[in-house]
Amino acid sequence: MSSKESTTSKTVVSAASKLFDLRLLIGGLFTFYGVVLTIYSFFDSPAEIAKAAGIHINLWLGIGMLILGLLFLLWARLGPIAPPEPNPTDRGDRPVHH
Protein backbone atom coordinates (compact mmCIF):
# COMPACT_ATOMS: atom_id res chain seq x y z
CA MET A 1 0.00 0.00 0.00
CA SER A 2 1.46 3.37 -0.96
CA SER A 3 1.75 6.34 1.38
CA LYS A 4 -0.88 8.22 -0.65
CA GLU A 5 -3.43 5.41 -0.14
CA SER A 6 -2.57 5.30 3.56
CA THR A 7 -3.11 9.06 3.92
CA THR A 8 -6.43 8.87 2.06
CA SER A 9 -7.57 5.99 4.27
CA LYS A 10 -6.68 7.91 7.45
CA THR A 11 -8.55 10.97 6.17
CA VAL A 12 -11.70 8.94 5.52
CA VAL A 13 -11.55 7.32 8.98
CA SER A 14 -10.95 10.70 10.62
CA ALA A 15 -13.85 12.31 8.76
CA ALA A 16 -16.17 9.46 9.71
CA SER A 17 -15.25 9.74 13.39
CA LYS A 18 -15.97 13.49 13.37
CA LEU A 19 -19.26 12.92 11.59
CA PHE A 20 -20.61 10.75 14.40
CA ASP A 21 -19.32 12.85 17.30
CA LEU A 22 -22.42 13.32 19.47
CA ARG A 23 -20.85 16.29 21.23
CA LEU A 24 -21.28 18.31 18.04
CA LEU A 25 -24.93 17.32 17.69
CA ILE A 26 -25.77 17.95 21.35
CA GLY A 27 -23.79 21.19 21.45
CA GLY A 28 -25.39 22.47 18.26
CA LEU A 29 -28.91 21.70 19.44
CA PHE A 30 -28.43 23.24 22.89
CA THR A 31 -26.83 26.33 21.34
CA PHE A 32 -29.63 26.72 18.80
CA TYR A 33 -32.42 26.29 21.34
CA GLY A 34 -30.58 28.53 23.80
CA VAL A 35 -30.47 31.34 21.26
CA VAL A 36 -34.14 30.81 20.33
CA LEU A 37 -35.27 30.78 23.97
CA THR A 38 -33.17 33.84 24.84
CA ILE A 39 -34.66 35.80 21.94
CA TYR A 40 -38.16 34.58 22.86
CA SER A 41 -37.62 35.83 26.42
CA PHE A 42 -37.54 39.42 25.20
CA PHE A 43 -41.20 39.07 24.25
CA ASP A 44 -42.43 37.66 27.59
CA SER A 45 -45.48 39.42 28.92
CA PRO A 46 -45.68 40.56 32.54
CA ALA A 47 -48.38 37.90 33.09
CA GLU A 48 -45.98 35.13 31.98
CA ILE A 49 -43.25 36.48 34.26
CA ALA A 50 -45.70 36.67 37.17
CA LYS A 51 -46.74 33.06 36.48
CA ALA A 52 -43.08 32.06 36.94
CA ALA A 53 -42.87 33.70 40.39
CA GLY A 54 -41.34 36.88 38.95
CA ILE A 55 -38.38 35.06 37.40
CA HIS A 56 -37.53 35.60 33.75
CA ILE A 57 -37.41 31.83 33.31
CA ASN A 58 -37.10 31.86 29.51
CA LEU A 59 -34.13 34.20 29.71
CA TRP A 60 -32.30 32.20 32.38
CA LEU A 61 -32.96 28.84 30.76
CA GLY A 62 -31.98 30.23 27.36
CA ILE A 63 -28.69 31.54 28.73
CA GLY A 64 -28.07 28.25 30.52
CA MET A 65 -28.76 26.22 27.39
CA LEU A 66 -26.56 28.54 25.36
CA ILE A 67 -23.66 28.15 27.79
CA LEU A 68 -24.08 24.37 27.93
CA GLY A 69 -24.19 24.11 24.13
CA LEU A 70 -21.09 26.25 23.74
CA LEU A 71 -19.27 24.12 26.34
CA PHE A 72 -20.13 20.97 24.37
CA LEU A 73 -18.87 22.57 21.15
CA LEU A 74 -15.69 23.76 22.89
CA TRP A 75 -15.16 20.26 24.28
CA ALA A 76 -15.53 18.76 20.81
CA ARG A 77 -13.10 21.32 19.40
CA LEU A 78 -10.41 21.00 22.08
CA GLY A 79 -10.66 17.26 22.65
CA PRO A 80 -11.23 15.65 19.27
CA ILE A 81 -11.86 11.94 19.06
CA ALA A 82 -8.84 10.02 17.85
CA PRO A 83 -9.74 7.18 15.51
CA PRO A 84 -8.63 3.78 16.79
CA GLU A 85 -5.39 2.47 15.41
CA PRO A 86 -5.88 -0.59 13.19
CA ASN A 87 -4.67 -3.84 14.69
CA PRO A 88 -1.91 -5.27 12.44
CA THR A 89 -3.04 -8.82 13.22
CA ASP A 90 -6.54 -8.13 11.87
CA ARG A 91 -6.55 -8.60 8.15
CA GLY A 92 -9.57 -8.06 5.97
CA ASP A 93 -8.59 -10.69 3.41
CA ARG A 94 -9.25 -13.72 5.63
CA PRO A 95 -12.08 -16.01 4.51
CA VAL A 96 -15.30 -15.84 6.46
CA HIS A 97 -16.50 -19.19 7.84
CA HIS A 98 -20.24 -19.75 8.08
PDB file of N, CA and C in Angstrom:
ATOM      1  N   MET A   1       0.851  -1.168   0.000  1.00  0.00           N
ATOM      2  CA  MET A   1       0.000   0.000   0.000  1.00  0.00           C
ATOM      3  C   MET A   1       0.898   1.232   0.000  1.00  0.00           C
ATOM      4  N   SER A   2       0.634   2.181  -0.873  1.00  0.00           N
ATOM      5  CA  SER A   2       1.457   3.372  -0.965  1.00  0.00           C
ATOM      6  C   SER A   2       1.113   4.357   0.139  1.00  0.00           C
ATOM      7  N   SER A   3       1.983   5.342   0.323  1.00  0.00           N
ATOM      8  CA  SER A   3       1.747   6.338   1.378  1.00  0.00           C
ATOM      9  C   SER A   3       0.547   7.213   1.044  1.00  0.00           C
ATOM     10  N   LYS A   4       0.277   7.425  -0.252  1.00  0.00           N
ATOM     11  CA  LYS A   4      -0.881   8.217  -0.649  1.00  0.00           C
ATOM     12  C   LYS A   4      -2.176   7.504  -0.277  1.00  0.00           C
ATOM     13  N   GLU A   5      -2.242   6.178  -0.500  1.00  0.00           N
ATOM     14  CA  GLU A   5      -3.427   5.408  -0.135  1.00  0.00           C
ATOM     15  C   GLU A   5      -3.614   5.389   1.369  1.00  0.00           C
ATOM     16  N   SER A   6      -2.506   5.305   2.100  1.00  0.00           N
ATOM     17  CA  SER A   6      -2.567   5.299   3.564  1.00  0.00           C
ATOM     18  C   SER A   6      -3.098   6.629   4.079  1.00  0.00           C
ATOM     19  N   THR A   7      -2.648   7.734   3.506  1.00  0.00           N
ATOM     20  CA  THR A   7      -3.106   9.059   3.917  1.00  0.00           C
ATOM     21  C   THR A   7      -4.586   9.233   3.612  1.00  0.00           C
ATOM     22  N   THR A   8      -5.020   8.773   2.431  1.00  0.00           N
ATOM     23  CA  THR A   8      -6.431   8.871   2.062  1.00  0.00           C
ATOM     24  C   THR A   8      -7.287   8.039   3.007  1.00  0.00           C
ATOM     25  N   SER A   9      -6.825   6.858   3.356  1.00  0.00           N
ATOM     26  CA  SER A   9      -7.566   5.986   4.267  1.00  0.00           C
ATOM     27  C   SER A   9      -7.699   6.629   5.643  1.00  0.00           C
ATOM     28  N   LYS A  10      -6.634   7.240   6.142  1.00  0.00           N
ATOM     29  CA  LYS A  10      -6.681   7.908   7.452  1.00  0.00           C
ATOM     30  C   LYS A  10      -7.623   9.104   7.414  1.00  0.00           C
ATOM     31  N   THR A  11      -7.657   9.826   6.296  1.00  0.00           N
ATOM     32  CA  THR A  11      -8.549  10.975   6.167  1.00  0.00           C
ATOM     33  C   THR A  11      -9.998  10.538   6.209  1.00  0.00           C
ATOM     34  N   VAL A  12     -10.333   9.440   5.537  1.00  0.00           N
ATOM     35  CA  VAL A  12     -11.701   8.937   5.520  1.00  0.00           C
ATOM     36  C   VAL A  12     -12.112   8.489   6.913  1.00  0.00           C
ATOM     37  N   VAL A  13     -11.243   7.770   7.621  1.00  0.00           N
ATOM     38  CA  VAL A  13     -11.555   7.318   8.979  1.00  0.00           C
ATOM     39  C   VAL A  13     -11.728   8.514   9.898  1.00  0.00           C
ATOM     40  N   SER A  14     -10.866   9.507   9.776  1.00  0.00           N
ATOM     41  CA  SER A  14     -10.950  10.697  10.624  1.00  0.00           C
ATOM     42  C   SER A  14     -12.236  11.467  10.350  1.00  0.00           C
ATOM     43  N   ALA A  15     -12.619  11.601   9.103  1.00  0.00           N
ATOM     44  CA  ALA A  15     -13.851  12.313   8.758  1.00  0.00           C
ATOM     45  C   ALA A  15     -15.067  11.567   9.287  1.00  0.00           C
ATOM     46  N   ALA A  16     -15.040  10.245   9.219  1.00  0.00           N
ATOM     47  CA  ALA A  16     -16.167   9.457   9.715  1.00  0.00           C
ATOM     48  C   ALA A  16     -16.294   9.585  11.225  1.00  0.00           C
ATOM     49  N   SER A  17     -15.177   9.622  11.936  1.00  0.00           N
ATOM     50  CA  SER A  17     -15.251   9.744  13.392  1.00  0.00           C
ATOM     51  C   SER A  17     -15.780  11.113  13.797  1.00  0.00           C
ATOM     52  N   LYS A  18     -15.443  12.155  13.057  1.00  0.00           N
ATOM     53  CA  LYS A  18     -15.967  13.486  13.373  1.00  0.00           C
ATOM     54  C   LYS A  18     -17.447  13.594  13.030  1.00  0.00           C
ATOM     55  N   LEU A  19     -17.874  12.868  12.013  1.00  0.00           N
ATOM     56  CA  LEU A  19     -19.263  12.921  11.586  1.00  0.00           C
ATOM     57  C   LEU A  19     -20.194  12.391  12.671  1.00  0.00           C
ATOM     58  N   PHE A  20     -19.766  11.380  13.402  1.00  0.00           N
ATOM     59  CA  PHE A  20     -20.614  10.751  14.396  1.00  0.00           C
ATOM     60  C   PHE A  20     -20.276  11.188  15.822  1.00  0.00           C
ATOM     61  N   ASP A  21     -19.628  12.334  15.980  1.00  0.00           N
ATOM     62  CA  ASP A  21     -19.319  12.851  17.304  1.00  0.00           C
ATOM     63  C   ASP A  21     -20.589  13.481  17.886  1.00  0.00           C
ATOM     64  N   LEU A  22     -21.163  12.848  18.887  1.00  0.00           N
ATOM     65  CA  LEU A  22     -22.417  13.321  19.470  1.00  0.00           C
ATOM     66  C   LEU A  22     -22.267  14.654  20.179  1.00  0.00           C
ATOM     67  N   ARG A  23     -21.046  14.992  20.573  1.00  0.00           N
ATOM     68  CA  ARG A  23     -20.846  16.287  21.227  1.00  0.00           C
ATOM     69  C   ARG A  23     -21.204  17.435  20.285  1.00  0.00           C
ATOM     70  N   LEU A  24     -20.927  17.264  19.015  1.00  0.00           N
ATOM     71  CA  LEU A  24     -21.285  18.308  18.044  1.00  0.00           C
ATOM     72  C   LEU A  24     -22.798  18.434  17.902  1.00  0.00           C
ATOM     73  N   LEU A  25     -23.470  17.309  17.828  1.00  0.00           N
ATOM     74  CA  LEU A  25     -24.930  17.321  17.693  1.00  0.00           C
ATOM     75  C   LEU A  25     -25.584  17.921  18.936  1.00  0.00           C
ATOM     76  N   ILE A  26     -25.187  17.447  20.104  1.00  0.00           N
ATOM     77  CA  ILE A  26     -25.773  17.952  21.347  1.00  0.00           C
ATOM     78  C   ILE A  26     -25.439  19.430  21.537  1.00  0.00           C
ATOM     79  N   GLY A  27     -24.193  19.793  21.306  1.00  0.00           N
ATOM     80  CA  GLY A  27     -23.791  21.192  21.446  1.00  0.00           C
ATOM     81  C   GLY A  27     -24.517  22.109  20.483  1.00  0.00           C
ATOM     82  N   GLY A  28     -24.677  21.657  19.251  1.00  0.00           N
ATOM     83  CA  GLY A  28     -25.386  22.467  18.261  1.00  0.00           C
ATOM     84  C   GLY A  28     -26.844  22.667  18.617  1.00  0.00           C
ATOM     85  N   LEU A  29     -27.496  21.588  19.074  1.00  0.00           N
ATOM     86  CA  LEU A  29     -28.914  21.705  19.440  1.00  0.00           C
ATOM     87  C   LEU A  29     -29.108  22.595  20.667  1.00  0.00           C
ATOM     88  N   PHE A  30     -28.300  22.401  21.705  1.00  0.00           N
ATOM     89  CA  PHE A  30     -28.426  23.241  22.885  1.00  0.00           C
ATOM     90  C   PHE A  30     -28.143  24.705  22.556  1.00  0.00           C
ATOM     91  N   THR A  31     -27.142  24.951  21.721  1.00  0.00           N
ATOM     92  CA  THR A  31     -26.828  26.333  21.339  1.00  0.00           C
ATOM     93  C   THR A  31     -27.984  26.947  20.559  1.00  0.00           C
ATOM     94  N   PHE A  32     -28.511  26.210  19.602  1.00  0.00           N
ATOM     95  CA  PHE A  32     -29.625  26.716  18.799  1.00  0.00           C
ATOM     96  C   PHE A  32     -30.834  27.037  19.677  1.00  0.00           C
ATOM     97  N   TYR A  33     -31.246  26.064  20.500  1.00  0.00           N
ATOM     98  CA  TYR A  33     -32.421  26.288  21.344  1.00  0.00           C
ATOM     99  C   TYR A  33     -32.151  27.350  22.410  1.00  0.00           C
ATOM    100  N   GLY A  34     -30.927  27.468  22.857  1.00  0.00           N
ATOM    101  CA  GLY A  34     -30.583  28.528  23.801  1.00  0.00           C
ATOM    102  C   GLY A  34     -30.750  29.912  23.191  1.00  0.00           C
ATOM    103  N   VAL A  35     -30.306  30.058  21.956  1.00  0.00           N
ATOM    104  CA  VAL A  35     -30.471  31.342  21.256  1.00  0.00           C
ATOM    105  C   VAL A  35     -31.955  31.631  21.034  1.00  0.00           C
ATOM    106  N   VAL A  36     -32.707  30.628  20.585  1.00  0.00           N
ATOM    107  CA  VAL A  36     -34.140  30.815  20.333  1.00  0.00           C
ATOM    108  C   VAL A  36     -34.865  31.205  21.621  1.00  0.00           C
ATOM    109  N   LEU A  37     -34.588  30.504  22.709  1.00  0.00           N
ATOM    110  CA  LEU A  37     -35.267  30.781  23.972  1.00  0.00           C
ATOM    111  C   LEU A  37     -34.869  32.139  24.538  1.00  0.00           C
ATOM    112  N   THR A  38     -33.612  32.526  24.368  1.00  0.00           N
ATOM    113  CA  THR A  38     -33.172  33.841  24.840  1.00  0.00           C
ATOM    114  C   THR A  38     -33.874  34.950  24.056  1.00  0.00           C
ATOM    115  N   ILE A  39     -33.958  34.794  22.751  1.00  0.00           N
ATOM    116  CA  ILE A  39     -34.660  35.799  21.936  1.00  0.00           C
ATOM    117  C   ILE A  39     -36.140  35.832  22.302  1.00  0.00           C
ATOM    118  N   TYR A  40     -36.735  34.652  22.499  1.00  0.00           N
ATOM    119  CA  TYR A  40     -38.155  34.577  22.863  1.00  0.00           C
ATOM    120  C   TYR A  40     -38.418  35.272  24.207  1.00  0.00           C
ATOM    121  N   SER A  41     -37.430  35.238  25.095  1.00  0.00           N
ATOM    122  CA  SER A  41     -37.622  35.825  26.424  1.00  0.00           C
ATOM    123  C   SER A  41     -37.817  37.341  26.374  1.00  0.00           C
ATOM    124  N   PHE A  42     -37.359  37.968  25.321  1.00  0.00           N
ATOM    125  CA  PHE A  42     -37.540  39.424  25.203  1.00  0.00           C
ATOM    126  C   PHE A  42     -39.000  39.790  24.937  1.00  0.00           C
ATOM    127  N   PHE A  43     -39.799  38.824  24.556  1.00  0.00           N
ATOM    128  CA  PHE A  43     -41.203  39.070  24.252  1.00  0.00           C
ATOM    129  C   PHE A  43     -42.149  38.510  25.314  1.00  0.00           C
ATOM    130  N   ASP A  44     -41.597  38.151  26.488  1.00  0.00           N
ATOM    131  CA  ASP A  44     -42.435  37.662  27.589  1.00  0.00           C
ATOM    132  C   ASP A  44     -43.328  38.780  28.108  1.00  0.00           C
ATOM    133  N   SER A  45     -44.561  38.433  28.354  1.00  0.00           N
ATOM    134  CA  SER A  45     -45.484  39.419  28.919  1.00  0.00           C
ATOM    135  C   SER A  45     -45.322  39.431  30.442  1.00  0.00           C
ATOM    136  N   PRO A  46     -45.744  40.501  31.075  1.00  0.00           N
ATOM    137  CA  PRO A  46     -45.684  40.557  32.542  1.00  0.00           C
ATOM    138  C   PRO A  46     -46.491  39.431  33.197  1.00  0.00           C
ATOM    139  N   ALA A  47     -47.581  38.994  32.543  1.00  0.00           N
ATOM    140  CA  ALA A  47     -48.375  37.898  33.092  1.00  0.00           C
ATOM    141  C   ALA A  47     -47.576  36.593  33.100  1.00  0.00           C
ATOM    142  N   GLU A  48     -46.809  36.341  32.034  1.00  0.00           N
ATOM    143  CA  GLU A  48     -45.983  35.129  31.980  1.00  0.00           C
ATOM    144  C   GLU A  48     -44.882  35.169  33.033  1.00  0.00           C
ATOM    145  N   ILE A  49     -44.293  36.338  33.243  1.00  0.00           N
ATOM    146  CA  ILE A  49     -43.249  36.485  34.257  1.00  0.00           C
ATOM    147  C   ILE A  49     -43.843  36.302  35.651  1.00  0.00           C
ATOM    148  N   ALA A  50     -45.033  36.829  35.878  1.00  0.00           N
ATOM    149  CA  ALA A  50     -45.695  36.666  37.172  1.00  0.00           C
ATOM    150  C   ALA A  50     -46.042  35.200  37.426  1.00  0.00           C
ATOM    151  N   LYS A  51     -46.415  34.483  36.358  1.00  0.00           N
ATOM    152  CA  LYS A  51     -46.741  33.056  36.483  1.00  0.00           C
ATOM    153  C   LYS A  51     -45.517  32.248  36.909  1.00  0.00           C
ATOM    154  N   ALA A  52     -44.327  32.745  36.592  1.00  0.00           N
ATOM    155  CA  ALA A  52     -43.078  32.060  36.939  1.00  0.00           C
ATOM    156  C   ALA A  52     -42.464  32.643  38.207  1.00  0.00           C
ATOM    157  N   ALA A  53     -43.299  33.150  39.101  1.00  0.00           N
ATOM    158  CA  ALA A  53     -42.866  33.704  40.393  1.00  0.00           C
ATOM    159  C   ALA A  53     -41.928  34.898  40.225  1.00  0.00           C
ATOM    160  N   GLY A  54     -42.135  35.667  39.167  1.00  0.00           N
ATOM    161  CA  GLY A  54     -41.344  36.875  38.953  1.00  0.00           C
ATOM    162  C   GLY A  54     -39.964  36.630  38.366  1.00  0.00           C
ATOM    163  N   ILE A  55     -39.685  35.400  37.979  1.00  0.00           N
ATOM    164  CA  ILE A  55     -38.379  35.062  37.400  1.00  0.00           C
ATOM    165  C   ILE A  55     -38.510  35.049  35.883  1.00  0.00           C
ATOM    166  N   HIS A  56     -37.559  35.630  35.214  1.00  0.00           N
ATOM    167  CA  HIS A  56     -37.526  35.598  33.746  1.00  0.00           C
ATOM    168  C   HIS A  56     -36.991  34.232  33.328  1.00  0.00           C
ATOM    169  N   ILE A  57     -37.831  33.210  33.472  1.00  0.00           N
ATOM    170  CA  ILE A  57     -37.409  31.827  33.305  1.00  0.00           C
ATOM    171  C   ILE A  57     -36.912  31.532  31.892  1.00  0.00           C
ATOM    172  N   ASN A  58     -37.552  32.098  30.888  1.00  0.00           N
ATOM    173  CA  ASN A  58     -37.098  31.859  29.512  1.00  0.00           C
ATOM    174  C   ASN A  58     -35.708  32.438  29.281  1.00  0.00           C
ATOM    175  N   LEU A  59     -35.444  33.584  29.853  1.00  0.00           N
ATOM    176  CA  LEU A  59     -34.128  34.201  29.710  1.00  0.00           C
ATOM    177  C   LEU A  59     -33.060  33.357  30.395  1.00  0.00           C
ATOM    178  N   TRP A  60     -33.311  32.953  31.640  1.00  0.00           N
ATOM    179  CA  TRP A  60     -32.304  32.197  32.383  1.00  0.00           C
ATOM    180  C   TRP A  60     -32.080  30.807  31.789  1.00  0.00           C
ATOM    181  N   LEU A  61     -33.139  30.147  31.391  1.00  0.00           N
ATOM    182  CA  LEU A  61     -32.961  28.836  30.763  1.00  0.00           C
ATOM    183  C   LEU A  61     -32.289  28.961  29.392  1.00  0.00           C
ATOM    184  N   GLY A  62     -32.624  30.005  28.652  1.00  0.00           N
ATOM    185  CA  GLY A  62     -31.980  30.230  27.361  1.00  0.00           C
ATOM    186  C   GLY A  62     -30.489  30.473  27.513  1.00  0.00           C
ATOM    187  N   ILE A  63     -30.107  31.287  28.491  1.00  0.00           N
ATOM    188  CA  ILE A  63     -28.686  31.544  28.726  1.00  0.00           C
ATOM    189  C   ILE A  63     -27.988  30.261  29.186  1.00  0.00           C
ATOM    190  N   GLY A  64     -28.653  29.506  30.065  1.00  0.00           N
ATOM    191  CA  GLY A  64     -28.068  28.246  30.522  1.00  0.00           C
ATOM    192  C   GLY A  64     -27.867  27.246  29.396  1.00  0.00           C
ATOM    193  N   MET A  65     -28.869  27.131  28.532  1.00  0.00           N
ATOM    194  CA  MET A  65     -28.757  26.220  27.387  1.00  0.00           C
ATOM    195  C   MET A  65     -27.678  26.687  26.421  1.00  0.00           C
ATOM    196  N   LEU A  66     -27.580  27.982  26.235  1.00  0.00           N
ATOM    197  CA  LEU A  66     -26.557  28.540  25.357  1.00  0.00           C
ATOM    198  C   LEU A  66     -25.161  28.238  25.894  1.00  0.00           C
ATOM    199  N   ILE A  67     -24.961  28.431  27.186  1.00  0.00           N
ATOM    200  CA  ILE A  67     -23.657  28.147  27.794  1.00  0.00           C
ATOM    201  C   ILE A  67     -23.332  26.659  27.693  1.00  0.00           C
ATOM    202  N   LEU A  68     -24.305  25.808  27.996  1.00  0.00           N
ATOM    203  CA  LEU A  68     -24.082  24.365  27.927  1.00  0.00           C
ATOM    204  C   LEU A  68     -23.741  23.934  26.494  1.00  0.00           C
ATOM    205  N   GLY A  69     -24.473  24.447  25.530  1.00  0.00           N
ATOM    206  CA  GLY A  69     -24.192  24.108  24.134  1.00  0.00           C
ATOM    207  C   GLY A  69     -22.815  24.554  23.703  1.00  0.00           C
ATOM    208  N   LEU A  70     -22.419  25.760  24.101  1.00  0.00           N
ATOM    209  CA  LEU A  70     -21.085  26.248  23.739  1.00  0.00           C
ATOM    210  C   LEU A  70     -19.996  25.437  24.424  1.00  0.00           C
ATOM    211  N   LEU A  71     -20.244  24.979  25.652  1.00  0.00           N
ATOM    212  CA  LEU A  71     -19.273  24.123  26.335  1.00  0.00           C
ATOM    213  C   LEU A  71     -19.111  22.786  25.610  1.00  0.00           C
ATOM    214  N   PHE A  72     -20.215  22.205  25.140  1.00  0.00           N
ATOM    215  CA  PHE A  72     -20.127  20.968  24.373  1.00  0.00           C
ATOM    216  C   PHE A  72     -19.338  21.183  23.081  1.00  0.00           C
ATOM    217  N   LEU A  73     -19.588  22.294  22.393  1.00  0.00           N
ATOM    218  CA  LEU A  73     -18.867  22.573  21.148  1.00  0.00           C
ATOM    219  C   LEU A  73     -17.387  22.830  21.421  1.00  0.00           C
ATOM    220  N   LEU A  74     -17.084  23.512  22.512  1.00  0.00           N
ATOM    221  CA  LEU A  74     -15.691  23.760  22.890  1.00  0.00           C
ATOM    222  C   LEU A  74     -15.000  22.439  23.223  1.00  0.00           C
ATOM    223  N   TRP A  75     -15.703  21.571  23.936  1.00  0.00           N
ATOM    224  CA  TRP A  75     -15.158  20.261  24.285  1.00  0.00           C
ATOM    225  C   TRP A  75     -14.851  19.452  23.025  1.00  0.00           C
ATOM    226  N   ALA A  76     -15.743  19.487  22.068  1.00  0.00           N
ATOM    227  CA  ALA A  76     -15.525  18.757  20.812  1.00  0.00           C
ATOM    228  C   ALA A  76     -14.356  19.351  20.041  1.00  0.00           C
ATOM    229  N   ARG A  77     -14.183  20.652  20.133  1.00  0.00           N
ATOM    230  CA  ARG A  77     -13.102  21.319  19.405  1.00  0.00           C
ATOM    231  C   ARG A  77     -11.744  21.064  20.048  1.00  0.00           C
ATOM    232  N   LEU A  78     -11.688  21.137  21.379  1.00  0.00           N
ATOM    233  CA  LEU A  78     -10.412  21.004  22.075  1.00  0.00           C
ATOM    234  C   LEU A  78     -10.012  19.550  22.330  1.00  0.00           C
ATOM    235  N   GLY A  79     -10.967  18.668  22.398  1.00  0.00           N
ATOM    236  CA  GLY A  79     -10.665  17.258  22.652  1.00  0.00           C
ATOM    237  C   GLY A  79     -11.216  16.374  21.571  1.00  0.00           C
ATOM    238  N   PRO A  80     -10.665  16.454  20.361  1.00  0.00           N
ATOM    239  CA  PRO A  80     -11.232  15.654  19.269  1.00  0.00           C
ATOM    240  C   PRO A  80     -11.049  14.168  19.527  1.00  0.00           C
ATOM    241  N   ILE A  81     -11.919  13.389  18.942  1.00  0.00           N
ATOM    242  CA  ILE A  81     -11.863  11.942  19.062  1.00  0.00           C
ATOM    243  C   ILE A  81     -10.778  11.421  18.120  1.00  0.00           C
ATOM    244  N   ALA A  82      -9.881  10.628  18.672  1.00  0.00           N
ATOM    245  CA  ALA A  82      -8.838  10.019  17.849  1.00  0.00           C
ATOM    246  C   ALA A  82      -9.361   8.687  17.334  1.00  0.00           C
ATOM    247  N   PRO A  83      -9.272   8.460  16.032  1.00  0.00           N
ATOM    248  CA  PRO A  83      -9.741   7.179  15.507  1.00  0.00           C
ATOM    249  C   PRO A  83      -8.857   6.057  16.038  1.00  0.00           C
ATOM    250  N   PRO A  84      -9.435   4.887  16.277  1.00  0.00           N
ATOM    251  CA  PRO A  84      -8.629   3.781  16.793  1.00  0.00           C
ATOM    252  C   PRO A  84      -7.596   3.331  15.767  1.00  0.00           C
ATOM    253  N   GLU A  85      -6.448   2.959  16.290  1.00  0.00           N
ATOM    254  CA  GLU A  85      -5.395   2.465  15.406  1.00  0.00           C
ATOM    255  C   GLU A  85      -5.767   1.057  14.945  1.00  0.00           C
ATOM    256  N   PRO A  86      -5.555   0.763  13.676  1.00  0.00           N
ATOM    257  CA  PRO A  86      -5.884  -0.586  13.193  1.00  0.00           C
ATOM    258  C   PRO A  86      -4.928  -1.612  13.803  1.00  0.00           C
ATOM    259  N   ASN A  87      -5.463  -2.757  14.124  1.00  0.00           N
ATOM    260  CA  ASN A  87      -4.673  -3.838  14.691  1.00  0.00           C
ATOM    261  C   ASN A  87      -3.966  -4.550  13.543  1.00  0.00           C
ATOM    262  N   PRO A  88      -2.626  -4.643  13.582  1.00  0.00           N
ATOM    263  CA  PRO A  88      -1.913  -5.270  12.443  1.00  0.00           C
ATOM    264  C   PRO A  88      -2.225  -6.748  12.290  1.00  0.00           C
ATOM    265  N   THR A  89      -2.714  -7.391  13.347  1.00  0.00           N
ATOM    266  CA  THR A  89      -3.037  -8.819  13.223  1.00  0.00           C
ATOM    267  C   THR A  89      -4.391  -9.044  12.556  1.00  0.00           C
ATOM    268  N   ASP A  90      -5.247  -8.022  12.546  1.00  0.00           N
ATOM    269  CA  ASP A  90      -6.541  -8.133  11.874  1.00  0.00           C
ATOM    270  C   ASP A  90      -6.366  -7.827  10.401  1.00  0.00           C
ATOM    271  N   ARG A  91      -6.654  -8.815   9.584  1.00  0.00           N
ATOM    272  CA  ARG A  91      -6.548  -8.596   8.149  1.00  0.00           C
ATOM    273  C   ARG A  91      -7.906  -8.827   7.533  1.00  0.00           C
ATOM    274  N   GLY A  92      -8.263  -7.972   6.600  1.00  0.00           N
ATOM    275  CA  GLY A  92      -9.568  -8.056   5.972  1.00  0.00           C
ATOM    276  C   GLY A  92      -9.672  -9.105   4.887  1.00  0.00           C
ATOM    277  N   ASP A  93      -8.545  -9.739   4.519  1.00  0.00           N
ATOM    278  CA  ASP A  93      -8.592 -10.689   3.413  1.00  0.00           C
ATOM    279  C   ASP A  93      -8.746 -12.135   3.870  1.00  0.00           C
ATOM    280  N   ARG A  94      -9.041 -12.360   5.144  1.00  0.00           N
ATOM    281  CA  ARG A  94      -9.252 -13.721   5.634  1.00  0.00           C
ATOM    282  C   ARG A  94     -10.636 -14.206   5.204  1.00  0.00           C
ATOM    283  N   PRO A  95     -10.761 -15.501   4.900  1.00  0.00           N
ATOM    284  CA  PRO A  95     -12.084 -16.007   4.514  1.00  0.00           C
ATOM    285  C   PRO A  95     -13.015 -16.029   5.712  1.00  0.00           C
ATOM    286  N   VAL A  96     -14.282 -15.823   5.420  1.00  0.00           N
ATOM    287  CA  VAL A  96     -15.300 -15.838   6.464  1.00  0.00           C
ATOM    288  C   VAL A  96     -15.901 -17.227   6.505  1.00  0.00           C
ATOM    289  N   HIS A  97     -15.928 -17.846   7.687  1.00  0.00           N
ATOM    290  CA  HIS A  97     -16.498 -19.189   7.843  1.00  0.00           C
ATOM    291  C   HIS A  97     -17.918 -19.071   8.326  1.00  0.00           C
ATOM    292  N   HIS A  98     -18.823 -19.815   7.693  1.00  0.00           N
ATOM    293  CA  HIS A  98     -20.240 -19.745   8.082  1.00  0.00           C
ATOM    294  C   HIS A  98     -20.593 -20.919   8.924  1.00  0.00           C
TER     295      HIS A  98
END
